[in-house]
Amino acid sequence: MTSETPTKSGIPLSDSLAGLPRFLDLRQLIGLSTLSKSAVYQEIAAGRLAAPLKIRPGRSVWRYQDVQAWLVQLEQKAMERALKARGPLIRRTAGGQPAVR
């Protein structure tokens, strides 16, 4: 049994098509990441984000799965920086006893 999702054209999208890759254009990528266009291309140059697929002249897209993995990495790095800036969670008091925040 397959569940069907209606599309704009009214043609149902079966489960067999649901696994196909989805794509994002630059505008959508910037919206998800809140980075500027130049920052996105710096991420690509640094090898942290996959290069876009050129689907025709002047049109590039990114695989949704690649962008999702990249956003997870950005989030993890942000959390690491926040924890590092916060300092250790257990500090020592003047008497040498742990003082938990």
N, C-alpha and C. Protein backbone atom coordinates (compact mmCIF):
# COMPACT_ATOMS: atom_id res chain seq x y z
N MET A 1 0.84 -1.18 0.00
CA MET A 1 0.00 0.00 0.00
C MET A 1 0.88 1.23 0.00
N THR A 2 0.63 2.16 -0.90
CA THR A 2 1.42 3.38 -0.95
C THR A 2 0.56 4.57 -0.60
N SER A 3 1.14 5.49 0.14
CA SER A 3 0.42 6.73 0.40
C SER A 3 0.72 7.68 -0.75
N GLU A 4 -0.24 8.48 -1.07
CA GLU A 4 -0.06 9.38 -2.21
C GLU A 4 -0.23 10.81 -1.75
N THR A 5 0.64 11.67 -2.23
CA THR A 5 0.60 13.08 -1.92
C THR A 5 0.23 13.83 -3.19
N PRO A 6 -0.82 14.64 -3.16
CA PRO A 6 -1.17 15.37 -4.38
C PRO A 6 -0.13 16.45 -4.69
N THR A 7 0.08 16.70 -5.95
CA THR A 7 0.99 17.75 -6.39
C THR A 7 0.19 18.88 -7.01
N LYS A 8 0.87 19.96 -7.40
CA LYS A 8 0.19 21.10 -8.02
C LYS A 8 -0.62 20.69 -9.24
N SER A 9 -0.08 19.77 -10.00
CA SER A 9 -0.75 19.35 -11.22
C SER A 9 -1.90 18.40 -10.95
N GLY A 10 -2.05 17.96 -9.70
CA GLY A 10 -3.11 17.02 -9.37
C GLY A 10 -2.69 15.57 -9.54
N ILE A 11 -1.49 15.35 -10.05
CA ILE A 11 -0.98 13.99 -10.22
C ILE A 11 -0.37 13.55 -8.89
N PRO A 12 -0.83 12.41 -8.35
CA PRO A 12 -0.29 11.98 -7.06
C PRO A 12 1.18 11.59 -7.14
N LEU A 13 1.87 11.86 -6.06
CA LEU A 13 3.28 11.50 -5.94
C LEU A 13 3.34 10.27 -5.05
N SER A 14 3.71 9.15 -5.61
CA SER A 14 3.72 7.91 -4.82
C SER A 14 4.98 7.83 -3.97
N ASP A 15 4.98 6.88 -3.05
CA ASP A 15 6.14 6.68 -2.18
C ASP A 15 7.41 6.36 -2.97
N SER A 16 7.24 5.75 -4.14
CA SER A 16 8.42 5.38 -4.92
C SER A 16 9.17 6.61 -5.41
N LEU A 17 8.49 7.74 -5.54
CA LEU A 17 9.14 8.98 -5.97
C LEU A 17 9.61 9.83 -4.80
N ALA A 18 9.13 9.52 -3.60
CA ALA A 18 9.45 10.34 -2.44
C ALA A 18 10.93 10.33 -2.10
N GLY A 19 11.67 9.29 -2.49
CA GLY A 19 13.08 9.20 -2.18
C GLY A 19 13.99 9.96 -3.12
N LEU A 20 13.42 10.56 -4.16
CA LEU A 20 14.24 11.31 -5.11
C LEU A 20 14.83 12.54 -4.44
N PRO A 21 16.03 12.96 -4.85
CA PRO A 21 16.66 14.12 -4.22
C PRO A 21 15.88 15.40 -4.49
N ARG A 22 15.82 16.24 -3.47
CA ARG A 22 15.23 17.57 -3.62
C ARG A 22 16.37 18.56 -3.76
N PHE A 23 16.09 19.67 -4.36
CA PHE A 23 17.12 20.66 -4.64
C PHE A 23 16.73 22.02 -4.09
N LEU A 24 17.75 22.82 -3.73
CA LEU A 24 17.55 24.18 -3.24
C LEU A 24 18.36 25.12 -4.11
N ASP A 25 17.78 26.28 -4.43
CA ASP A 25 18.55 27.28 -5.15
C ASP A 25 19.26 28.19 -4.13
N LEU A 26 20.05 29.13 -4.63
CA LEU A 26 20.85 29.98 -3.74
C LEU A 26 19.97 30.78 -2.78
N ARG A 27 18.85 31.29 -3.28
CA ARG A 27 17.96 32.09 -2.44
C ARG A 27 17.45 31.25 -1.26
N GLN A 28 17.06 30.02 -1.53
CA GLN A 28 16.56 29.14 -0.48
C GLN A 28 17.68 28.76 0.50
N LEU A 29 18.87 28.52 -0.05
CA LEU A 29 20.02 28.18 0.79
C LEU A 29 20.35 29.32 1.74
N ILE A 30 20.36 30.53 1.24
CA ILE A 30 20.64 31.70 2.07
C ILE A 30 19.56 31.86 3.14
N GLY A 31 18.31 31.61 2.76
CA GLY A 31 17.22 31.70 3.72
C GLY A 31 17.33 30.70 4.86
N LEU A 32 17.79 29.51 4.55
CA LEU A 32 17.96 28.49 5.58
C LEU A 32 19.15 28.76 6.49
N SER A 33 20.22 29.26 5.91
CA SER A 33 21.46 29.42 6.67
C SER A 33 21.63 30.79 7.29
N THR A 34 20.94 31.78 6.78
CA THR A 34 21.08 33.20 7.16
C THR A 34 22.46 33.76 6.85
N LEU A 35 23.24 33.07 6.01
CA LEU A 35 24.53 33.58 5.57
C LEU A 35 24.34 34.42 4.31
N SER A 36 25.29 35.25 4.02
CA SER A 36 25.25 36.03 2.78
C SER A 36 25.70 35.16 1.61
N LYS A 37 25.47 35.67 0.41
CA LYS A 37 25.89 34.95 -0.80
C LYS A 37 27.40 34.71 -0.78
N SER A 38 28.16 35.73 -0.43
CA SER A 38 29.62 35.57 -0.43
C SER A 38 30.07 34.58 0.65
N ALA A 39 29.37 34.56 1.79
CA ALA A 39 29.73 33.60 2.85
C ALA A 39 29.44 32.17 2.41
N VAL A 40 28.36 31.98 1.66
CA VAL A 40 28.04 30.65 1.13
C VAL A 40 29.15 30.18 0.21
N TYR A 41 29.60 31.06 -0.68
CA TYR A 41 30.67 30.67 -1.60
C TYR A 41 32.01 30.50 -0.88
N GLN A 42 32.21 31.19 0.23
CA GLN A 42 33.41 30.95 1.03
C GLN A 42 33.36 29.56 1.67
N GLU A 43 32.18 29.14 2.10
CA GLU A 43 32.01 27.79 2.65
C GLU A 43 32.32 26.73 1.60
N ILE A 44 31.91 26.99 0.36
CA ILE A 44 32.20 26.06 -0.74
C ILE A 44 33.69 26.00 -0.99
N ALA A 45 34.33 27.17 -1.06
CA ALA A 45 35.78 27.24 -1.32
C ALA A 45 36.57 26.53 -0.21
N ALA A 46 36.08 26.61 1.02
CA ALA A 46 36.76 25.97 2.15
C ALA A 46 36.47 24.46 2.21
N GLY A 47 35.56 23.98 1.37
CA GLY A 47 35.25 22.55 1.35
C GLY A 47 34.25 22.11 2.39
N ARG A 48 33.61 23.06 3.06
CA ARG A 48 32.63 22.70 4.09
C ARG A 48 31.24 22.48 3.52
N LEU A 49 30.96 23.05 2.36
CA LEU A 49 29.67 22.89 1.68
C LEU A 49 29.94 22.37 0.28
N ALA A 50 29.13 21.41 -0.13
CA ALA A 50 29.29 20.84 -1.47
C ALA A 50 29.04 21.91 -2.53
N ALA A 51 29.77 21.81 -3.62
CA ALA A 51 29.58 22.74 -4.74
C ALA A 51 28.20 22.50 -5.35
N PRO A 52 27.61 23.55 -5.91
CA PRO A 52 26.28 23.38 -6.51
C PRO A 52 26.35 22.59 -7.81
N LEU A 53 25.21 22.06 -8.18
CA LEU A 53 25.07 21.38 -9.47
C LEU A 53 24.63 22.42 -10.48
N LYS A 54 25.29 22.48 -11.61
CA LYS A 54 24.91 23.42 -12.68
C LYS A 54 23.88 22.72 -13.55
N ILE A 55 22.61 23.12 -13.44
CA ILE A 55 21.58 22.43 -14.21
C ILE A 55 21.32 23.09 -15.56
N ARG A 56 21.74 24.33 -15.71
CA ARG A 56 21.73 25.03 -17.00
C ARG A 56 22.53 26.31 -16.81
N PRO A 57 22.88 27.00 -17.87
CA PRO A 57 23.64 28.24 -17.70
C PRO A 57 22.90 29.24 -16.80
N GLY A 58 23.61 29.72 -15.80
CA GLY A 58 23.03 30.69 -14.88
C GLY A 58 22.11 30.10 -13.82
N ARG A 59 22.04 28.79 -13.74
CA ARG A 59 21.15 28.14 -12.76
C ARG A 59 21.91 27.04 -12.04
N SER A 60 22.08 27.21 -10.73
CA SER A 60 22.76 26.24 -9.89
C SER A 60 21.85 25.84 -8.74
N VAL A 61 21.95 24.60 -8.34
CA VAL A 61 21.17 24.10 -7.21
C VAL A 61 22.04 23.22 -6.34
N TRP A 62 21.62 23.07 -5.09
CA TRP A 62 22.29 22.19 -4.14
C TRP A 62 21.35 21.06 -3.76
N ARG A 63 21.91 19.88 -3.53
CA ARG A 63 21.11 18.76 -3.05
C ARG A 63 20.67 19.07 -1.62
N TYR A 64 19.41 18.82 -1.35
CA TYR A 64 18.87 19.08 -0.02
C TYR A 64 19.65 18.32 1.06
N GLN A 65 20.01 17.07 0.78
CA GLN A 65 20.74 16.26 1.76
C GLN A 65 22.09 16.88 2.09
N ASP A 66 22.78 17.42 1.07
CA ASP A 66 24.08 18.07 1.30
C ASP A 66 23.92 19.30 2.18
N VAL A 67 22.90 20.08 1.91
CA VAL A 67 22.66 21.31 2.68
C VAL A 67 22.28 20.96 4.11
N GLN A 68 21.46 19.95 4.27
CA GLN A 68 21.04 19.54 5.61
C GLN A 68 22.24 19.10 6.44
N ALA A 69 23.13 18.31 5.85
CA ALA A 69 24.34 17.86 6.57
C ALA A 69 25.22 19.04 6.92
N TRP A 70 25.36 19.99 6.02
CA TRP A 70 26.17 21.18 6.26
C TRP A 70 25.57 22.01 7.40
N LEU A 71 24.25 22.17 7.42
CA LEU A 71 23.60 22.94 8.49
C LEU A 71 23.78 22.27 9.85
N VAL A 72 23.77 20.95 9.88
CA VAL A 72 24.01 20.23 11.13
C VAL A 72 25.43 20.51 11.62
N GLN A 73 26.40 20.50 10.69
CA GLN A 73 27.78 20.81 11.06
C GLN A 73 27.90 22.24 11.59
N LEU A 74 27.23 23.19 10.94
CA LEU A 74 27.26 24.59 11.41
C LEU A 74 26.70 24.69 12.82
N GLU A 75 25.60 23.99 13.07
CA GLU A 75 24.98 24.02 14.38
C GLU A 75 25.89 23.41 15.44
N GLN A 76 26.53 22.30 15.11
CA GLN A 76 27.44 21.65 16.06
C GLN A 76 28.62 22.56 16.39
N LYS A 77 29.18 23.21 15.38
CA LYS A 77 30.31 24.12 15.62
C LYS A 77 29.87 25.31 16.46
N ALA A 78 28.67 25.82 16.22
CA ALA A 78 28.16 26.94 17.01
C ALA A 78 27.99 26.53 18.48
N MET A 79 27.48 25.31 18.70
CA MET A 79 27.31 24.82 20.06
C MET A 79 28.67 24.64 20.75
N GLU A 80 29.65 24.13 20.02
CA GLU A 80 30.99 23.96 20.58
C GLU A 80 31.59 25.31 20.97
N ARG A 81 31.43 26.30 20.10
CA ARG A 81 31.95 27.64 20.40
C ARG A 81 31.25 28.23 21.62
N ALA A 82 29.93 28.03 21.72
CA ALA A 82 29.18 28.57 22.85
C ALA A 82 29.62 27.91 24.15
N LEU A 83 29.81 26.60 24.13
CA LEU A 83 30.25 25.91 25.34
C LEU A 83 31.66 26.31 25.73
N LYS A 84 32.51 26.48 24.73
CA LYS A 84 33.89 26.89 25.00
C LYS A 84 33.92 28.30 25.60
N ALA A 85 33.09 29.20 25.07
CA ALA A 85 33.05 30.56 25.58
C ALA A 85 32.48 30.62 26.98
N ARG A 86 31.59 29.70 27.29
CA ARG A 86 30.96 29.66 28.61
C ARG A 86 31.94 29.20 29.68
N GLY A 87 32.88 28.39 29.28
CA GLY A 87 33.83 27.87 30.25
C GLY A 87 33.36 26.55 30.81
N PRO A 88 34.11 25.99 31.72
CA PRO A 88 33.73 24.69 32.28
C PRO A 88 32.43 24.79 33.06
N LEU A 89 31.66 23.71 33.05
CA LEU A 89 30.40 23.68 33.78
C LEU A 89 30.61 23.48 35.27
N ILE A 90 31.77 22.94 35.63
CA ILE A 90 32.07 22.76 37.05
C ILE A 90 33.27 23.62 37.39
N ARG A 91 33.07 24.52 38.29
CA ARG A 91 34.16 25.39 38.75
C ARG A 91 34.51 25.01 40.19
N ARG A 92 35.68 25.37 40.58
CA ARG A 92 36.12 25.09 41.94
C ARG A 92 35.95 26.34 42.79
N THR A 93 35.47 26.16 44.00
CA THR A 93 35.36 27.28 44.92
C THR A 93 36.72 27.53 45.55
N ALA A 94 36.81 28.55 46.37
CA ALA A 94 38.08 28.87 47.03
C ALA A 94 38.57 27.71 47.88
N GLY A 95 37.64 26.92 48.42
CA GLY A 95 38.01 25.79 49.27
C GLY A 95 38.32 24.52 48.48
N GLY A 96 38.26 24.59 47.14
CA GLY A 96 38.56 23.46 46.30
C GLY A 96 37.36 22.55 46.00
N GLN A 97 36.21 22.89 46.52
CA GLN A 97 35.00 22.12 46.30
C GLN A 97 34.39 22.49 44.93
N PRO A 98 33.80 21.52 44.23
CA PRO A 98 33.15 21.84 42.95
C PRO A 98 31.93 22.72 43.19
N ALA A 99 31.80 23.72 42.35
CA ALA A 99 30.63 24.60 42.38
C ALA A 99 29.95 24.48 41.01
N VAL A 100 28.85 23.78 40.97
CA VAL A 100 28.16 23.51 39.72
C VAL A 100 27.28 24.71 39.37
N ARG A 101 27.33 25.09 38.09
CA ARG A 101 26.46 26.20 37.64
C ARG A 101 25.08 25.71 37.43
